[in-house]
């Protein structure tokens, strides 16, 4: 699901200049004629990152998407942040195009240069307070040591296997410590802007430690249990359309399924990865979860969904 759009020589040259020019804070880029091109340059008047942010908002539109490349960490080889800005009022086709091209931007400019990648929909998220919220969110998900992570995963898997109240501890803690494949991230970007099917399924390749795309399809709540595997664990996203005060709205439901026959290592990996994965979906992909569901009722062949949690 890649867009086929590539970084232009002009954008590559502009990024190289940003890297070598302390008087520049960032670049605003867009898509034109099937290429990623530079649109504006954000000057740097201070070594303080936050001091340069007020000059960013006037360069952004409230109705058009942009990519923003910022030098956030001074003098660090990986001190850059790639921001995908897609306002809710942007045209649907543009949302789809920018979401499916965002990984190309980072990959072709050099993944090793970028410490962070963000997905935002409002200008205020790029103000000082927005960055502070982002930083605070990241601090809450601080990585555990390898020993702590392994112990935590084993305990959670054992608790889930036993059932009871201990199993509910899977809802807290953890950090995304395994990679998400390019195909999966691009599918998530499409899902975020309302494209593709209303059910997106992912699994974890335990051997390669990678979250991978299973597929995208369309179904309704009554068909979820037959659409989602009852033999293998899954992370699934379901776009649920419903009426609120006579207005049609769509909410995203995250469904975590781990059948009783799953291997203990699968249980451990899925359980210890889930919370960090969801945090990444919110902060990086811009996917807001309205409700989390831990299983699908196989007996009724349906999923009970409410929108108040």
Protein backbone atom coordinates (compact mmCIF):
# COMPACT_ATOMS: atom_id res chain seq x y z
CA UNK A 1 0.00 0.00 0.00
CA UNK A 2 2.83 2.37 -0.77
CA UNK A 3 1.97 5.50 -2.75
CA UNK A 4 4.83 5.32 -5.26
CA UNK A 5 5.87 8.88 -4.40
CA UNK A 6 9.56 9.60 -3.78
CA UNK A 7 11.71 12.31 -2.22
CA UNK A 8 12.78 14.86 -4.86
CA UNK A 9 16.38 16.01 -5.31
CA UNK A 10 15.22 19.45 -4.11
CA UNK A 11 13.98 18.06 -0.80
CA UNK A 12 17.09 15.92 -0.35
CA UNK A 13 19.26 19.00 -0.94
CA UNK A 14 17.11 21.05 1.44
CA UNK A 15 17.45 18.41 4.15
CA UNK A 16 21.23 18.25 3.68
CA UNK A 17 21.32 22.02 4.07
CA UNK A 18 19.22 21.80 7.24
CA UNK A 19 21.68 19.28 8.69
CA UNK A 20 24.65 21.55 7.98
CA UNK A 21 23.05 24.93 8.76
CA UNK A 22 22.52 25.88 12.43
CA UNK A 23 20.47 28.91 11.38
CA UNK A 24 17.67 26.61 10.19
CA UNK A 25 15.25 24.85 12.54
CA UNK A 26 13.21 22.86 10.02
CA UNK A 27 11.58 22.25 6.67
CA UNK A 28 7.93 22.08 5.69
CA UNK A 29 7.40 19.71 2.75
CA UNK A 30 4.45 18.73 0.61
CA UNK A 31 3.54 16.40 -2.26
CA UNK A 32 3.45 17.84 -5.78
CA UNK A 33 3.57 16.12 -9.18
CA UNK A 34 4.18 12.71 -7.57
CA UNK A 35 7.19 13.96 -5.59
CA UNK A 36 7.99 15.13 -2.08
CA UNK A 37 9.24 18.72 -2.37
CA UNK A 38 10.30 21.47 0.07
CA UNK A 39 7.71 24.17 0.65
CA UNK A 40 9.01 26.42 3.46
CA UNK A 41 12.07 26.76 5.67
CA UNK A 42 11.71 27.42 9.38
CA UNK A 43 14.52 29.65 10.66
CA UNK A 44 16.28 29.13 13.97
CA UNK A 45 16.87 32.18 16.15
CA UNK A 46 17.86 30.28 19.28
CA UNK A 47 19.41 27.01 20.37
CA UNK A 48 16.21 26.49 22.39
CA UNK A 49 13.78 24.33 20.41
CA UNK A 50 10.65 25.80 21.96
CA UNK A 51 11.70 29.38 21.20
CA UNK A 52 11.49 28.71 17.45
CA UNK A 53 8.06 27.03 17.49
CA UNK A 54 5.86 30.18 17.27
CA UNK A 55 7.13 30.74 13.71
CA UNK A 56 5.87 27.30 12.63
CA UNK A 57 2.08 27.73 12.83
CA UNK A 58 1.83 30.53 10.21
CA UNK A 59 3.51 28.21 7.68
CA UNK A 60 0.81 25.54 8.06
CA UNK A 61 -2.66 25.43 6.53
CA UNK A 62 -5.79 24.42 8.43
CA UNK A 63 -7.10 22.61 5.35
CA UNK A 64 -4.01 21.04 3.75
CA UNK A 65 -1.58 18.37 4.93
CA UNK A 66 2.16 18.90 5.33
CA UNK A 67 5.27 17.09 6.43
CA UNK A 68 7.43 18.91 8.98
CA UNK A 69 11.06 18.04 9.59
CA UNK A 70 12.49 19.65 12.72
CA UNK A 71 15.90 19.67 14.37
CA UNK A 72 14.93 19.04 17.95
CA UNK A 73 18.08 17.67 19.57
CA UNK A 74 20.97 20.02 18.90
CA UNK A 75 24.22 18.49 17.59
CA UNK A 76 22.85 14.93 17.67
CA UNK A 77 23.20 12.76 14.52
CA UNK A 78 19.67 11.46 15.12
CA UNK A 79 18.36 14.77 16.41
CA UNK A 80 15.51 15.19 13.93
CA UNK A 81 11.77 14.69 14.23
CA UNK A 82 9.46 13.86 11.33
CA UNK A 83 5.93 15.18 11.82
CA UNK A 84 2.99 14.25 9.60
CA UNK A 85 0.41 17.01 9.91
CA UNK A 86 -2.99 16.05 8.48
CA UNK A 87 -5.82 18.36 9.61
CA UNK A 88 -9.27 16.82 9.83
CA UNK A 89 -10.53 19.28 7.20
CA UNK A 90 -8.01 18.18 4.54
CA UNK A 91 -9.47 16.43 1.46
CA UNK A 92 -9.92 12.69 1.90
CA UNK A 93 -7.66 11.79 -1.02
CA UNK A 94 -4.92 14.03 0.38
CA UNK A 95 -5.25 12.40 3.80
CA UNK A 96 -4.84 9.00 2.20
CA UNK A 97 -1.84 10.10 0.12
CA UNK A 98 0.06 11.72 3.00
CA UNK A 99 -0.65 8.84 5.37
CA UNK A 100 0.64 6.25 2.89
CA UNK A 101 3.77 8.29 2.00
CA UNK A 102 5.00 9.30 5.47
CA UNK A 103 7.29 6.29 5.88
CA UNK A 104 8.85 6.93 2.47
CA UNK A 105 9.86 10.41 3.62
CA UNK A 106 11.82 9.11 6.61
CA UNK A 107 13.26 6.12 4.79
CA UNK A 108 14.62 8.08 1.83
CA UNK A 109 16.03 10.91 3.92
CA UNK A 110 17.68 8.38 6.25
CA UNK A 111 15.93 6.54 9.06
CA UNK A 112 19.01 6.85 11.24
CA UNK A 113 18.56 10.66 11.27
CA UNK A 114 15.16 10.58 12.96
CA UNK A 115 14.74 9.96 16.65
CA UNK A 116 10.99 10.47 16.62
CA UNK A 117 8.04 10.35 14.24
CA UNK A 118 4.73 12.02 15.11
CA UNK A 119 1.26 12.17 13.60
CA UNK A 120 -0.80 15.28 14.44
CA UNK A 121 -4.08 16.79 13.26
CA UNK A 122 -4.02 20.24 14.89
CA UNK A 123 -1.54 23.12 14.93
CA UNK A 124 -1.79 23.40 18.70
CA UNK A 125 -0.20 19.96 19.03
CA UNK A 126 2.98 21.55 17.68
CA UNK A 127 3.05 24.34 20.25
CA UNK A 128 5.23 24.10 23.35
CA UNK A 129 2.41 22.65 25.47
CA UNK A 130 1.72 19.98 22.85
CA UNK A 131 5.35 18.87 22.80
CA UNK A 132 5.40 18.79 26.59
CA UNK A 133 2.36 16.52 26.60
CA UNK A 134 4.06 14.29 24.05
CA UNK A 135 7.21 14.15 26.18
CA UNK A 136 5.21 13.39 29.33
CA UNK A 137 3.41 10.58 27.53
CA UNK A 138 6.75 9.14 26.45
CA UNK A 139 8.11 9.37 29.98
CA UNK A 140 5.17 7.33 31.29
CA UNK A 141 6.16 4.60 28.85
CA UNK A 142 9.83 4.60 29.82
CA UNK A 143 11.47 1.32 28.78
CA UNK A 144 12.06 -1.41 31.29
CA UNK A 145 15.38 -3.19 31.59
CA UNK A 146 15.60 -6.46 29.66
CA UNK A 147 15.35 -8.43 32.90
CA UNK A 148 12.31 -6.43 34.05
CA UNK A 149 10.61 -6.78 30.65
CA UNK A 150 11.12 -10.54 30.55
CA UNK A 151 9.90 -11.02 34.11
CA UNK A 152 6.89 -8.78 33.52
CA UNK A 153 5.94 -10.65 30.34
CA UNK A 154 6.20 -14.05 31.98
CA UNK A 155 4.07 -12.97 34.95
CA UNK A 156 1.42 -11.45 32.69
CA UNK A 157 1.27 -14.53 30.49
CA UNK A 158 0.95 -16.79 33.53
CA UNK A 159 -1.75 -14.54 34.98
CA UNK A 160 -3.74 -14.59 31.76
CA UNK A 161 -3.43 -18.37 31.51
CA UNK A 162 -4.78 -18.70 35.06
CA UNK A 163 -7.58 -16.20 34.52
CA UNK A 164 -9.11 -14.27 37.41
CA UNK A 165 -8.27 -10.73 38.50
CA UNK A 166 -4.56 -11.05 37.77
CA UNK A 167 -5.33 -11.15 34.07
CA UNK A 168 -6.57 -7.57 34.16
CA UNK A 169 -3.06 -6.35 34.87
CA UNK A 170 -2.41 -6.70 31.14
CA UNK A 171 -4.03 -3.30 30.72
CA UNK A 172 -1.18 -1.44 32.43
CA UNK A 173 2.51 -0.89 31.89
CA UNK A 174 4.69 -2.03 28.98
CA UNK A 175 6.33 -0.33 26.03
CA UNK A 176 6.51 -1.09 22.34
CA UNK A 177 9.86 -2.83 22.03
CA UNK A 178 9.44 -4.65 18.72
CA UNK A 179 9.23 -3.31 15.19
CA UNK A 180 6.09 -2.69 13.16
CA UNK A 181 6.49 -3.63 9.51
CA UNK A 182 6.26 -0.97 6.81
CA UNK A 183 3.22 -2.70 5.31
CA UNK A 184 1.43 -2.71 8.67
CA UNK A 185 2.21 0.97 9.36
CA UNK A 186 1.01 2.03 5.93
CA UNK A 187 -2.22 0.06 6.41
CA UNK A 188 -2.69 1.75 9.79
CA UNK A 189 -2.18 5.14 8.16
CA UNK A 190 -4.90 4.33 5.62
CA UNK A 191 -7.20 3.11 8.38
CA UNK A 192 -6.59 6.35 10.30
CA UNK A 193 -7.98 8.45 7.44
CA UNK A 194 -10.98 6.18 6.81
CA UNK A 195 -9.66 4.30 3.80
CA UNK A 196 -9.70 0.54 3.22
CA UNK A 197 -11.84 -1.92 5.14
CA UNK A 198 -13.39 -1.25 8.53
CA UNK A 199 -11.55 -4.20 10.12
CA UNK A 200 -7.75 -4.19 10.17
CA UNK A 201 -5.96 -7.21 11.65
CA UNK A 202 -2.34 -7.48 12.78
CA UNK A 203 -0.32 -10.29 14.28
CA UNK A 204 3.11 -10.62 15.86
CA UNK A 205 5.77 -12.67 14.16
CA UNK A 206 7.29 -13.97 17.39
CA UNK A 207 10.40 -15.36 15.69
CA UNK A 208 11.25 -12.07 13.92
CA UNK A 209 9.78 -9.89 16.70
CA UNK A 210 7.76 -7.86 14.21
CA UNK A 211 4.15 -6.69 14.12
CA UNK A 212 2.82 -7.61 10.68
CA UNK A 213 -0.29 -6.99 8.59
CA UNK A 214 -2.75 -9.88 8.38
CA UNK A 215 -5.27 -8.07 6.22
CA UNK A 216 -8.08 -5.54 5.89
CA UNK A 217 -11.72 -6.39 5.29
CA UNK A 218 -15.26 -5.15 5.83
CA UNK A 219 -17.65 -6.61 8.37
CA UNK A 220 -20.28 -5.62 10.92
CA UNK A 221 -20.29 -6.25 14.68
CA UNK A 222 -22.18 -9.52 14.22
CA UNK A 223 -19.51 -10.83 11.87
CA UNK A 224 -16.44 -10.01 13.95
CA UNK A 225 -16.06 -13.40 15.63
CA UNK A 226 -16.02 -15.19 12.28
CA UNK A 227 -13.69 -12.59 10.71
CA UNK A 228 -11.08 -12.74 13.50
CA UNK A 229 -9.07 -15.94 13.97
CA UNK A 230 -10.12 -18.18 16.86
CA UNK A 231 -6.85 -20.12 16.73
CA UNK A 232 -4.17 -17.38 16.62
CA UNK A 233 -3.71 -14.16 18.64
CA UNK A 234 -4.57 -10.87 16.95
CA UNK A 235 -4.47 -7.11 17.42
CA UNK A 236 -7.48 -5.83 15.48
CA UNK A 237 -8.92 -2.39 14.81
CA UNK A 238 -12.62 -2.07 14.02
CA UNK A 239 -14.16 1.14 12.70
CA UNK A 240 -17.61 1.19 14.28
CA UNK A 241 -20.20 3.50 12.73
CA UNK A 242 -23.04 4.54 15.03
CA UNK A 243 -25.59 7.29 15.66
CA UNK A 244 -25.06 9.98 18.30
CA UNK A 245 -27.94 12.43 18.65
CA UNK A 246 -29.09 11.64 15.09
CA UNK A 247 -25.57 12.23 13.74
CA UNK A 248 -23.53 9.41 12.25
CA UNK A 249 -20.11 9.01 13.86
CA UNK A 250 -17.26 6.54 13.58
CA UNK A 251 -15.30 5.23 16.56
CA UNK A 252 -12.26 2.95 16.60
CA UNK A 253 -12.44 -0.17 18.72
CA UNK A 254 -9.25 -2.08 19.54
CA UNK A 255 -9.77 -5.82 19.91
CA UNK A 256 -7.11 -8.01 21.53
CA UNK A 257 -7.76 -11.72 21.07
CA UNK A 258 -5.57 -14.52 22.41
CA UNK A 259 -7.30 -17.92 22.08
CA UNK A 260 -6.85 -20.41 24.89
CA UNK A 261 -4.82 -22.68 22.63
CA UNK A 262 -2.14 -20.04 21.99
CA UNK A 263 1.44 -20.91 22.93
CA UNK A 264 2.73 -19.52 26.22
CA UNK A 265 5.43 -17.50 24.40
CA UNK A 266 2.78 -15.94 22.17
CA UNK A 267 0.75 -15.00 25.23
CA UNK A 268 3.81 -13.44 26.83
CA UNK A 269 4.80 -11.41 23.75
CA UNK A 270 1.30 -10.17 22.94
CA UNK A 271 0.57 -9.26 26.56
CA UNK A 272 3.83 -7.42 27.20
CA UNK A 273 3.66 -5.55 23.87
CA UNK A 274 0.02 -4.46 23.89
CA UNK A 275 0.16 -1.33 26.04
CA UNK A 276 3.22 0.09 24.32
CA UNK A 277 1.69 -0.71 20.94
CA UNK A 278 -1.47 1.23 21.81
CA UNK A 279 0.57 4.17 23.09
CA UNK A 280 2.45 4.18 19.78
CA UNK A 281 -0.80 4.09 17.81
CA UNK A 282 -2.00 7.23 19.62
CA UNK A 283 1.20 9.28 19.67
CA UNK A 284 2.77 8.18 16.40
CA UNK A 285 -0.08 7.13 14.12
CA UNK A 286 -2.80 9.42 15.46
CA UNK A 287 -5.29 6.58 15.98
CA UNK A 288 -7.57 7.34 18.92
CA UNK A 289 -9.14 4.31 20.57
CA UNK A 290 -12.73 4.78 21.80
CA UNK A 291 -12.98 1.33 23.39
CA UNK A 292 -10.75 -1.67 24.10
CA UNK A 293 -12.16 -5.18 23.93
CA UNK A 294 -10.30 -8.26 25.12
CA UNK A 295 -12.26 -10.89 23.21
CA UNK A 296 -15.13 -11.64 20.86
CA UNK A 297 -18.06 -13.69 22.13
CA UNK A 298 -17.85 -16.87 20.09
CA UNK A 299 -21.19 -18.15 21.36
CA UNK A 300 -23.27 -15.16 20.26
CA UNK A 301 -21.05 -14.51 17.24
CA UNK A 302 -21.09 -10.81 18.15
CA UNK A 303 -19.22 -8.07 19.90
CA UNK A 304 -20.94 -5.88 22.48
CA UNK A 305 -19.80 -2.31 21.78
CA UNK A 306 -20.47 0.86 23.73
CA UNK A 307 -18.99 4.30 23.09
CA UNK A 308 -18.72 5.69 26.60
CA UNK A 309 -15.29 4.14 27.43
